[in-house]
Amino acid sequence: RMATSASSISGGSTLDVQTLASQLVAAERAPLDAQIKRETAGVKTTLSALGTLKSALSTFQAVVDNMSMLADFQVRSAMSSKPEVFSASAGSGAVPGTYGIEVRQLAAAHSIASGAYAGGSAALVGSGRVALSVGDSAFSIDVTADMTLAQMRDAVNNAQGNTGVSATIVQSTAGARLVLAARDTGAANTLSVSVANAAGGLDSLAYTSAAPGSYTQLTAAQDAIVRVAAFEQTSASNTITGAIDGVTLNLAAADVGMAHTLTIANDTDTVRKRIDAFVSTYNAMQTAISGLRAYNATTKEGGPLLGDSMLLGLESRMRRGLTDAVAGLSGNHTSLAALGITTGANGNLIVDDTKLSAAIEGDFEGVARLFGKTGGVGFRLQDALDDALSMNGGIAVRTRALLEQQDRLADRQDVVDARMQSQLARYVRQFTTLDTLLSTLDTTSAYLDTQLDSLSNMMKRGK
């Protein structure tokens, strides 16, 4: 961290002051730097290990979250024998069975077209106030004498309070026609148009079902009519939710006199896929954990979380959640092992496909309760994972502590750097003083040598 130099302090120096001082400081700081480096590396390794653990747990948690309630397993399939007439979807409340569905009439939205305007979209429509209503919704627009058919269309569509009417213009050989359509289907959503203070022909745009005036009805407002198991049901929409508990019918076409079959069944394929995902993500999590606590006998090196009490506690809780029988269940399926899901020697789950498929097909509700009831496998594992991954869970608490330790180590390094810089300056001062003293002694020695030589020569001449 500190620059070194081989330069001396003065031309007559006998010591390389900077080098000597730097070497002493380097020797003094080496053990301090090494200790901080070791501790920093340990913190980083543990932080990385906790990140790996958190990622593996979070992935498994996302799967378990979809398997911790009864409704997660009480999934139903809905199959129509005539999809072009109707389709359906079923929720957890639907009861498996077959139903005859006859679609006698589709719901339709009311639409009407005005008489033709030979001048096209630019034709003037007159002046006055036009009130439009559909169902329980009503609004008004003011029509000025210079308003064109196109401008009137825009005024309708943009009017404040318009929640139920759409206006368009359709061109024909006779001219442009204003088409008004209810946005919602159903017999109750019938259009009406009234005109007040009409001038310039605006009164021709008035409409009621009893007095259509110049309008042509394009589509009548009508409810859907469907027979379910020979019982009639009407709906303002082609999406019907009340005919069969837990089932939504989506009507596509009328087919009067023909009853087509709707089959509601347990969705065994979806449940099997969820259990397969449960097993695979658990095994991926277990593999990650095994690597964190592994020990290599050859290299005599352990994983970053070898012997870690937090990890041991979490594994123990997860293992109990997996293997313990679920209290309060009757029947043959009270544990994962009864479904054919067992734990191998390496901690991974092993699935007996034949046994699991037979359990799902033969005891669909029992499998649902095993995972989703309060105290069930999914419930217990979700509880354990939520605790581990919470803001006050072991991983978060440990991570925060390590980050704080990392900051303290950085502060310690700064202190060492500052102290060594001060020490370098002190050594330089000391060695410079010594170097100056040595230079002085050299000068004095040389002077004395000269004087002694002179004295010796004088004594020789005296003889």
Protein backbone atom coordinates (compact mmCIF):
# COMPACT_ATOMS: atom_id res chain seq x y z
CA ARG A 1 0.00 0.00 0.00
CA MET A 2 2.98 2.38 0.58
CA ALA A 3 5.51 3.31 -2.07
CA THR A 4 9.14 2.33 -1.42
CA SER A 5 12.26 3.93 -2.79
CA ALA A 6 15.93 3.14 -2.86
CA SER A 7 16.91 6.81 -2.89
CA SER A 8 19.04 8.23 -0.03
CA ILE A 9 18.53 11.34 1.96
CA SER A 10 21.84 13.04 1.08
CA GLY A 11 24.70 12.62 -1.32
CA GLY A 12 27.12 11.71 1.46
CA SER A 13 24.81 9.18 3.09
CA THR A 14 26.17 5.79 4.01
CA LEU A 15 22.66 4.31 4.61
CA ASP A 16 19.72 3.63 2.20
CA VAL A 17 17.28 5.22 4.64
CA GLN A 18 14.04 4.74 2.69
CA THR A 19 14.68 1.10 1.93
CA LEU A 20 15.61 0.24 5.50
CA ALA A 21 12.56 2.02 6.86
CA SER A 22 10.22 0.38 4.30
CA GLN A 23 11.57 -3.09 5.04
CA LEU A 24 11.07 -2.68 8.77
CA VAL A 25 7.48 -1.45 8.26
CA ALA A 26 6.75 -4.29 5.82
CA ALA A 27 7.95 -6.86 8.34
CA GLU A 28 5.91 -5.24 11.11
CA ARG A 29 2.67 -5.03 9.13
CA ALA A 30 2.86 -8.46 7.43
CA PRO A 31 1.20 -10.45 10.26
CA LEU A 32 -1.44 -7.75 10.76
CA ASP A 33 -2.32 -7.72 7.04
CA ALA A 34 -2.34 -11.52 6.92
CA GLN A 35 -4.77 -11.78 9.82
CA ILE A 36 -7.17 -9.22 8.35
CA LYS A 37 -6.93 -10.94 4.96
CA ARG A 38 -7.74 -14.34 6.48
CA GLU A 39 -10.72 -12.99 8.41
CA THR A 40 -12.01 -11.06 5.37
CA ALA A 41 -11.74 -14.16 3.17
CA GLY A 42 -13.62 -16.17 5.80
CA VAL A 43 -16.41 -13.60 5.95
CA LYS A 44 -16.72 -13.53 2.15
CA THR A 45 -16.81 -17.32 1.96
CA THR A 46 -19.54 -17.55 4.59
CA LEU A 47 -21.56 -14.79 2.95
CA SER A 48 -21.37 -16.62 -0.37
CA ALA A 49 -22.43 -19.86 1.32
CA LEU A 50 -25.42 -18.16 2.94
CA GLY A 51 -26.37 -16.70 -0.44
CA THR A 52 -26.26 -20.17 -1.98
CA LEU A 53 -28.37 -21.55 0.86
CA LYS A 54 -30.92 -18.74 0.61
CA SER A 55 -31.26 -19.20 -3.15
CA ALA A 56 -31.83 -22.96 -2.81
CA LEU A 57 -34.37 -22.49 -0.02
CA SER A 58 -36.21 -19.74 -1.91
CA THR A 59 -36.57 -21.92 -5.02
CA PHE A 60 -38.01 -24.74 -2.93
CA GLN A 61 -40.22 -22.30 -1.04
CA ALA A 62 -41.84 -21.11 -4.30
CA VAL A 63 -42.90 -24.69 -5.02
CA VAL A 64 -44.04 -25.44 -1.47
CA ASP A 65 -46.17 -22.28 -1.43
CA ASN A 66 -48.37 -23.93 -4.07
CA MET A 67 -48.71 -27.12 -2.03
CA SER A 68 -49.46 -25.94 1.50
CA MET A 69 -53.27 -25.62 1.34
CA LEU A 70 -56.02 -28.09 0.51
CA ALA A 71 -57.20 -25.90 -2.39
CA ASP A 72 -53.75 -26.27 -3.99
CA PHE A 73 -54.50 -29.96 -4.50
CA GLN A 74 -58.25 -29.85 -5.03
CA VAL A 75 -57.79 -28.96 -8.69
CA ARG A 76 -60.36 -30.05 -11.21
CA SER A 77 -60.33 -30.48 -14.97
CA ALA A 78 -63.31 -29.49 -17.09
CA MET A 79 -63.73 -31.08 -20.53
CA SER A 80 -66.37 -30.20 -23.10
CA SER A 81 -67.42 -32.75 -25.68
CA LYS A 82 -68.12 -29.84 -28.07
CA PRO A 83 -65.56 -27.05 -27.50
CA GLU A 84 -66.89 -25.07 -30.47
CA VAL A 85 -70.21 -24.73 -28.59
CA PHE A 86 -68.89 -24.20 -25.05
CA SER A 87 -65.80 -24.59 -22.92
CA ALA A 88 -65.46 -24.63 -19.15
CA SER A 89 -63.08 -24.24 -16.23
CA ALA A 90 -63.47 -25.68 -12.75
CA GLY A 91 -62.32 -24.49 -9.34
CA SER A 92 -61.62 -26.45 -6.17
CA GLY A 93 -65.30 -26.30 -5.20
CA ALA A 94 -66.45 -28.20 -8.27
CA VAL A 95 -67.72 -31.74 -7.72
CA PRO A 96 -66.52 -34.41 -10.17
CA GLY A 97 -69.30 -35.62 -12.44
CA THR A 98 -70.85 -35.29 -15.89
CA TYR A 99 -73.44 -32.77 -17.00
CA GLY A 100 -75.53 -32.27 -20.13
CA ILE A 101 -75.14 -28.73 -21.49
CA GLU A 102 -77.47 -27.30 -24.17
CA VAL A 103 -76.69 -23.78 -25.39
CA ARG A 104 -79.98 -22.43 -26.67
CA GLN A 105 -79.02 -18.78 -27.14
CA LEU A 106 -75.94 -16.59 -26.82
CA ALA A 107 -76.01 -13.28 -25.02
CA ALA A 108 -75.72 -10.37 -27.44
CA ALA A 109 -75.11 -6.62 -27.16
CA HIS A 110 -77.73 -4.24 -28.59
CA SER A 111 -76.60 -2.35 -31.71
CA ILE A 112 -78.48 0.00 -34.06
CA ALA A 113 -77.60 1.93 -37.23
CA SER A 114 -79.02 5.34 -38.15
CA GLY A 115 -80.40 6.28 -41.53
CA ALA A 116 -77.83 7.09 -44.23
CA TYR A 117 -76.26 10.54 -44.53
CA ALA A 118 -75.56 11.18 -48.21
CA GLY A 119 -72.87 13.71 -47.30
CA GLY A 120 -70.85 11.03 -45.56
CA SER A 121 -68.91 11.57 -42.33
CA ALA A 122 -68.73 15.31 -43.00
CA ALA A 123 -72.52 15.69 -43.16
CA LEU A 124 -74.08 18.07 -40.62
CA VAL A 125 -76.51 16.41 -38.20
CA GLY A 126 -78.43 19.43 -36.90
CA SER A 127 -78.41 20.90 -33.40
CA GLY A 128 -79.89 20.24 -29.96
CA ARG A 129 -79.22 17.98 -26.98
CA VAL A 130 -78.98 14.22 -27.35
CA ALA A 131 -79.43 11.90 -24.35
CA LEU A 132 -78.31 8.28 -24.64
CA SER A 133 -78.99 5.48 -22.21
CA VAL A 134 -78.18 1.79 -21.96
CA GLY A 135 -79.26 -0.27 -19.00
CA ASP A 136 -78.84 1.89 -15.89
CA SER A 137 -76.27 4.19 -17.52
CA ALA A 138 -77.22 7.53 -19.13
CA PHE A 139 -75.38 10.60 -20.39
CA SER A 140 -75.95 13.58 -22.70
CA ILE A 141 -74.08 15.55 -25.36
CA ASP A 142 -74.71 18.99 -26.84
CA VAL A 143 -74.86 19.08 -30.64
CA THR A 144 -74.05 22.41 -32.29
CA ALA A 145 -75.22 23.45 -35.75
CA ASP A 146 -71.75 23.01 -37.25
CA MET A 147 -71.17 19.50 -35.83
CA THR A 148 -70.54 16.78 -38.41
CA LEU A 149 -71.50 13.14 -38.15
CA ALA A 150 -67.85 12.23 -37.40
CA GLN A 151 -67.69 14.87 -34.67
CA MET A 152 -70.88 13.58 -33.14
CA ARG A 153 -69.40 10.06 -33.06
CA ASP A 154 -66.34 11.41 -31.21
CA ALA A 155 -68.53 13.40 -28.83
CA VAL A 156 -70.44 10.25 -27.89
CA ASN A 157 -67.29 8.18 -27.32
CA ASN A 158 -65.59 10.91 -25.27
CA ALA A 159 -68.61 12.07 -23.29
CA GLN A 160 -68.24 12.31 -19.54
CA GLY A 161 -70.32 9.60 -17.91
CA ASN A 162 -70.37 7.36 -20.97
CA THR A 163 -69.73 3.89 -19.56
CA GLY A 164 -71.89 1.82 -21.83
CA VAL A 165 -72.12 3.03 -25.46
CA SER A 166 -69.68 2.83 -28.38
CA ALA A 167 -70.24 4.88 -31.56
CA THR A 168 -68.77 4.15 -34.99
CA ILE A 169 -69.48 5.19 -38.58
CA VAL A 170 -70.18 2.63 -41.28
CA GLN A 171 -70.06 3.64 -44.95
CA SER A 172 -72.56 2.34 -47.49
CA THR A 173 -73.54 3.17 -51.07
CA ALA A 174 -76.37 5.28 -49.68
CA GLY A 175 -74.04 7.23 -47.38
CA ALA A 176 -72.57 7.16 -43.88
CA ARG A 177 -74.49 5.66 -40.95
CA LEU A 178 -73.96 6.24 -37.23
CA VAL A 179 -73.80 2.88 -35.47
CA LEU A 180 -74.45 2.79 -31.73
CA ALA A 181 -73.65 -0.36 -29.75
CA ALA A 182 -74.01 -1.31 -26.11
CA ARG A 183 -70.68 -2.34 -24.64
CA ASP A 184 -72.28 -5.01 -22.44
CA THR A 185 -74.38 -7.95 -23.54
CA GLY A 186 -77.76 -8.82 -22.05
CA ALA A 187 -81.44 -8.03 -22.48
CA ALA A 188 -81.29 -5.34 -19.81
CA ASN A 189 -78.74 -3.33 -21.78
CA THR A 190 -81.11 -1.90 -24.38
CA LEU A 191 -80.19 1.36 -26.12
CA SER A 192 -82.40 4.42 -26.27
CA VAL A 193 -81.74 7.88 -27.73
CA SER A 194 -83.80 10.98 -26.99
CA VAL A 195 -83.45 14.46 -28.51
CA ALA A 196 -84.36 17.84 -27.03
CA ASN A 197 -84.45 21.26 -28.70
CA ALA A 198 -83.88 19.55 -32.05
CA ALA A 199 -83.22 21.59 -35.20
CA GLY A 200 -81.83 20.81 -38.62
CA GLY A 201 -82.93 17.17 -38.64
CA LEU A 202 -81.38 16.09 -35.33
CA ASP A 203 -84.71 14.57 -34.26
CA SER A 204 -84.12 11.76 -36.79
CA LEU A 205 -81.57 10.34 -34.36
CA ALA A 206 -84.14 9.61 -31.64
CA TYR A 207 -84.66 5.90 -30.91
CA THR A 208 -86.57 3.55 -28.65
CA SER A 209 -87.45 -0.10 -29.17
CA ALA A 210 -91.09 0.92 -29.56
CA ALA A 211 -90.30 3.84 -31.89
CA PRO A 212 -87.12 3.04 -33.81
CA GLY A 213 -87.50 5.98 -36.21
CA SER A 214 -84.85 5.94 -38.92
CA TYR A 215 -82.71 3.32 -37.16
CA THR A 216 -82.20 -0.26 -38.19
CA GLN A 217 -81.61 -2.77 -35.39
CA LEU A 218 -78.47 -4.72 -36.17
CA THR A 219 -78.38 -6.94 -33.07
CA ALA A 220 -81.09 -7.40 -30.47
CA ALA A 221 -80.15 -7.14 -26.80
CA GLN A 222 -80.56 -10.62 -25.38
CA ASP A 223 -79.48 -12.90 -22.54
CA ALA A 224 -77.74 -16.21 -22.95
CA ILE A 225 -79.97 -19.22 -22.38
CA VAL A 226 -78.42 -22.52 -21.40
CA ARG A 227 -79.85 -25.76 -20.08
CA VAL A 228 -77.76 -27.63 -17.52
CA ALA A 229 -79.02 -31.13 -16.77
CA ALA A 230 -82.32 -30.01 -18.40
CA PHE A 231 -82.69 -26.99 -16.09
CA GLU A 232 -82.73 -23.60 -17.79
CA GLN A 233 -80.39 -20.78 -16.77
CA THR A 234 -80.20 -17.26 -18.21
CA SER A 235 -77.29 -14.87 -18.08
CA ALA A 236 -76.55 -11.38 -19.37
CA SER A 237 -73.08 -12.65 -20.27
CA ASN A 238 -71.78 -15.60 -22.23
CA THR A 239 -69.62 -16.41 -19.23
CA ILE A 240 -71.84 -18.23 -16.74
CA THR A 241 -70.68 -18.90 -13.19
CA GLY A 242 -73.83 -19.81 -11.30
CA ALA A 243 -75.15 -22.82 -13.13
CA ILE A 244 -72.82 -25.42 -11.52
CA ASP A 245 -70.97 -24.84 -8.24
CA GLY A 246 -67.32 -24.08 -8.85
CA VAL A 247 -67.66 -24.22 -12.66
CA THR A 248 -67.46 -21.41 -15.21
CA LEU A 249 -69.09 -22.00 -18.59
CA ASN A 250 -67.87 -20.02 -21.60
CA LEU A 251 -70.50 -20.12 -24.35
CA ALA A 252 -69.29 -19.92 -27.94
CA ALA A 253 -72.27 -20.88 -30.15
CA ALA A 254 -75.91 -21.82 -29.88
CA ASP A 255 -76.86 -25.42 -30.66
CA VAL A 256 -80.57 -25.70 -29.94
CA GLY A 257 -81.85 -29.17 -29.16
CA MET A 258 -78.39 -30.68 -28.66
CA ALA A 259 -77.07 -31.44 -25.17
CA HIS A 260 -73.30 -31.86 -25.09
CA THR A 261 -71.34 -33.41 -22.25
CA LEU A 262 -69.31 -31.51 -19.66
CA THR A 263 -67.03 -33.74 -17.59
CA ILE A 264 -65.63 -32.47 -14.30
CA ALA A 265 -62.84 -34.66 -12.91
CA ASN A 266 -59.97 -34.57 -10.46
CA ASP A 267 -56.97 -33.05 -12.25
CA THR A 268 -54.52 -35.83 -11.49
CA ASP A 269 -52.01 -34.62 -14.11
CA THR A 270 -51.62 -31.22 -12.44
CA VAL A 271 -51.23 -32.77 -8.99
CA ARG A 272 -48.61 -35.21 -10.28
CA LYS A 273 -46.67 -32.36 -11.89
CA ARG A 274 -46.73 -30.41 -8.64
CA ILE A 275 -45.44 -33.38 -6.66
CA ASP A 276 -42.71 -34.01 -9.26
CA ALA A 277 -41.67 -30.35 -9.01
CA PHE A 278 -41.70 -30.68 -5.22
CA VAL A 279 -39.34 -33.67 -5.37
CA SER A 280 -36.95 -32.19 -7.95
CA THR A 281 -36.60 -28.81 -6.24
CA TYR A 282 -36.17 -30.47 -2.83
CA ASN A 283 -33.38 -32.63 -4.25
CA ALA A 284 -31.72 -29.57 -5.82
CA MET A 285 -31.90 -27.82 -2.45
CA GLN A 286 -30.50 -30.89 -0.67
CA THR A 287 -27.61 -31.11 -3.14
CA ALA A 288 -26.74 -27.47 -2.50
CA ILE A 289 -26.88 -27.99 1.28
CA SER A 290 -24.75 -31.12 1.04
CA GLY A 291 -22.05 -29.13 -0.73
CA LEU A 292 -22.09 -26.47 1.97
CA ARG A 293 -21.54 -28.94 4.81
CA ALA A 294 -19.42 -31.53 2.96
CA TYR A 295 -16.01 -32.80 4.12
CA ASN A 296 -13.31 -33.95 1.70
CA ALA A 297 -11.31 -36.67 3.45
CA THR A 298 -8.58 -36.54 0.80
CA THR A 299 -7.89 -32.81 0.98
CA LYS A 300 -9.08 -32.63 4.60
CA GLU A 301 -11.13 -29.56 3.70
CA GLY A 302 -14.67 -28.90 4.88
CA GLY A 303 -17.51 -26.95 3.29
CA PRO A 304 -18.10 -23.39 4.45
CA LEU A 305 -21.02 -24.41 6.68
CA LEU A 306 -19.63 -27.70 7.98
CA GLY A 307 -20.92 -28.19 11.53
CA ASP A 308 -22.95 -24.98 11.40
CA SER A 309 -25.65 -25.15 14.10
CA MET A 310 -28.13 -23.03 12.13
CA LEU A 311 -27.88 -25.33 9.09
CA LEU A 312 -28.09 -28.46 11.23
CA GLY A 313 -31.23 -27.15 12.93
CA LEU A 314 -32.85 -26.24 9.62
CA GLU A 315 -32.08 -29.65 8.10
CA SER A 316 -33.48 -31.40 11.14
CA ARG A 317 -36.72 -29.43 10.97
CA MET A 318 -37.08 -30.02 7.22
CA ARG A 319 -36.44 -33.73 7.67
CA ARG A 320 -39.16 -34.00 10.32
CA GLY A 321 -41.52 -32.06 8.09
CA LEU A 322 -40.91 -34.55 5.31
CA THR A 323 -40.88 -37.85 7.12
CA ASP A 324 -43.17 -37.53 10.15
CA ALA A 325 -46.68 -38.94 9.75
CA VAL A 326 -49.42 -36.31 9.51
CA ALA A 327 -51.66 -36.38 12.55
CA GLY A 328 -55.44 -36.59 12.17
CA LEU A 329 -55.50 -38.45 8.86
CA SER A 330 -57.40 -41.65 8.26
CA GLY A 331 -56.77 -44.13 5.50
CA ASN A 332 -53.53 -45.48 4.09
CA HIS A 333 -51.82 -42.23 3.12
CA THR A 334 -50.57 -40.54 6.26
CA SER A 335 -46.95 -39.98 5.22
CA LEU A 336 -44.88 -39.39 2.08
CA ALA A 337 -43.53 -42.92 2.32
CA ALA A 338 -47.10 -44.20 1.92
CA LEU A 339 -47.21 -42.37 -1.42
CA GLY A 340 -43.96 -43.98 -2.55
CA ILE A 341 -41.73 -40.98 -1.74
CA THR A 342 -38.80 -42.00 0.45
CA THR A 343 -35.41 -40.57 1.46
CA GLY A 344 -32.24 -42.06 -0.01
CA ALA A 345 -28.85 -42.45 1.69
CA ASN A 346 -27.67 -39.10 0.31
CA GLY A 347 -30.74 -37.29 1.67
CA ASN A 348 -32.46 -36.93 -1.71
CA LEU A 349 -36.05 -38.01 -2.27
CA ILE A 350 -36.75 -41.14 -4.31
CA VAL A 351 -40.11 -41.67 -6.02
CA ASP A 352 -41.82 -44.97 -6.71
CA ASP A 353 -43.74 -43.84 -9.81
CA THR A 354 -46.21 -46.73 -9.80
CA LYS A 355 -47.07 -46.32 -6.13
CA LEU A 356 -47.42 -42.53 -6.40
CA SER A 357 -49.66 -42.71 -9.47
CA ALA A 358 -51.88 -45.31 -7.81
CA ALA A 359 -52.23 -43.12 -4.71
CA ILE A 360 -53.21 -40.04 -6.72
CA GLU A 361 -55.72 -41.95 -8.83
CA GLY A 362 -57.18 -43.98 -5.97
CA ASP A 363 -57.16 -41.48 -3.09
CA PHE A 364 -57.09 -37.99 -4.60
CA GLU A 365 -58.54 -36.28 -1.53
CA GLY A 366 -56.26 -38.24 0.78
CA VAL A 367 -53.19 -37.02 -1.09
CA ALA A 368 -54.54 -33.47 -0.89
CA ARG A 369 -54.98 -33.71 2.87
CA LEU A 370 -51.52 -35.24 3.34
CA PHE A 371 -49.91 -32.16 1.82
CA GLY A 372 -52.41 -29.37 2.38
CA LYS A 373 -54.21 -29.82 5.67
CA THR A 374 -53.07 -27.84 8.71
CA GLY A 375 -50.04 -29.73 9.99
CA GLY A 376 -49.60 -31.51 6.64
CA VAL A 377 -46.32 -31.93 4.79
CA GLY A 378 -46.67 -28.77 2.71
CA PHE A 379 -47.92 -26.77 5.69
CA ARG A 380 -44.96 -27.87 7.89
CA LEU A 381 -42.33 -27.23 5.24
CA GLN A 382 -43.77 -23.82 4.39
CA ASP A 383 -43.64 -22.91 8.08
CA ALA A 384 -39.99 -23.99 8.32
CA LEU A 385 -38.98 -22.17 5.15
CA ASP A 386 -40.82 -18.98 6.10
CA ASP A 387 -38.98 -18.93 9.44
CA ALA A 388 -35.59 -19.57 7.83
CA LEU A 389 -36.05 -16.89 5.15
CA SER A 390 -37.76 -14.22 7.23
CA MET A 391 -36.11 -10.88 8.03
CA ASN A 392 -35.47 -12.18 11.55
CA GLY A 393 -34.54 -15.69 10.43
CA GLY A 394 -31.15 -17.28 10.88
CA ILE A 395 -29.87 -16.49 7.39
CA ALA A 396 -30.80 -12.80 7.52
CA VAL A 397 -29.45 -12.33 11.04
CA ARG A 398 -26.17 -14.07 10.20
CA THR A 399 -25.82 -12.12 6.96
CA ARG A 400 -26.27 -8.79 8.71
CA ALA A 401 -23.70 -9.76 11.34
CA LEU A 402 -21.18 -10.76 8.68
CA LEU A 403 -21.67 -7.53 6.76
CA GLU A 404 -21.04 -5.59 9.96
CA GLN A 405 -17.91 -7.69 10.56
CA GLN A 406 -16.78 -6.92 7.03
CA ASP A 407 -17.10 -3.20 7.74
CA ARG A 408 -15.12 -3.58 10.98
CA LEU A 409 -12.34 -5.41 9.15
CA ALA A 410 -12.16 -2.60 6.60
CA ASP A 411 -11.88 -0.12 9.49
CA ARG A 412 -9.11 -2.21 11.06
CA GLN A 413 -7.22 -2.18 7.77
CA ASP A 414 -7.50 1.60 7.63
CA VAL A 415 -6.11 1.84 11.16
CA VAL A 416 -3.19 -0.44 10.26
CA ASP A 417 -2.48 1.61 7.12
CA ALA A 418 -2.45 4.86 9.08
CA ARG A 419 -0.26 3.43 11.86
CA MET A 420 2.24 1.96 9.40
CA GLN A 421 2.43 5.24 7.52
CA SER A 422 3.24 6.97 10.80
CA GLN A 423 5.75 4.26 11.67
CA LEU A 424 7.47 4.69 8.30
CA ALA A 425 7.86 8.41 8.92
CA ARG A 426 9.31 7.71 12.40
CA TYR A 427 11.81 5.19 11.05
CA VAL A 428 12.86 7.58 8.30
CA ARG A 429 13.52 10.29 10.90
CA GLN A 430 15.53 7.91 13.09
CA PHE A 431 17.63 6.52 10.26
CA THR A 432 18.21 9.99 8.86
CA THR A 433 19.55 11.09 12.26
CA LEU A 434 21.75 8.01 12.38
CA ASP A 435 22.94 8.59 8.83
CA THR A 436 23.84 12.17 9.68
CA LEU A 437 25.75 11.00 12.76
CA LEU A 438 27.65 8.43 10.74
CA SER A 439 28.54 11.05 8.15
CA THR A 440 29.82 13.32 10.93
CA LEU A 441 31.89 10.52 12.41
CA ASP A 442 33.31 9.75 8.98
CA THR A 443 34.37 13.38 8.59
CA THR A 444 35.90 13.48 12.07
CA SER A 445 37.71 10.22 11.49
CA ALA A 446 39.13 11.49 8.23
CA TYR A 447 40.31 14.69 9.94
CA LEU A 448 41.97 12.75 12.74
CA ASP A 449 43.62 10.45 10.23
CA THR A 450 45.05 13.49 8.45
CA GLN A 451 46.33 15.00 11.67
CA LEU A 452 47.93 11.75 12.75
CA ASP A 453 49.57 11.36 9.38
CA SER A 454 50.99 14.91 9.64
CA LEU A 455 52.27 14.29 13.15
CA SER A 456 53.90 11.05 12.10
CA ASN A 457 55.64 12.75 9.19
CA MET A 458 56.91 15.51 11.42
CA MET A 459 58.34 13.04 13.85
CA LYS A 460 60.11 11.21 11.04
CA ARG A 461 61.70 14.44 9.76
CA GLY A 462 62.84 15.32 13.29
CA LYS A 463 64.95 12.21 13.46
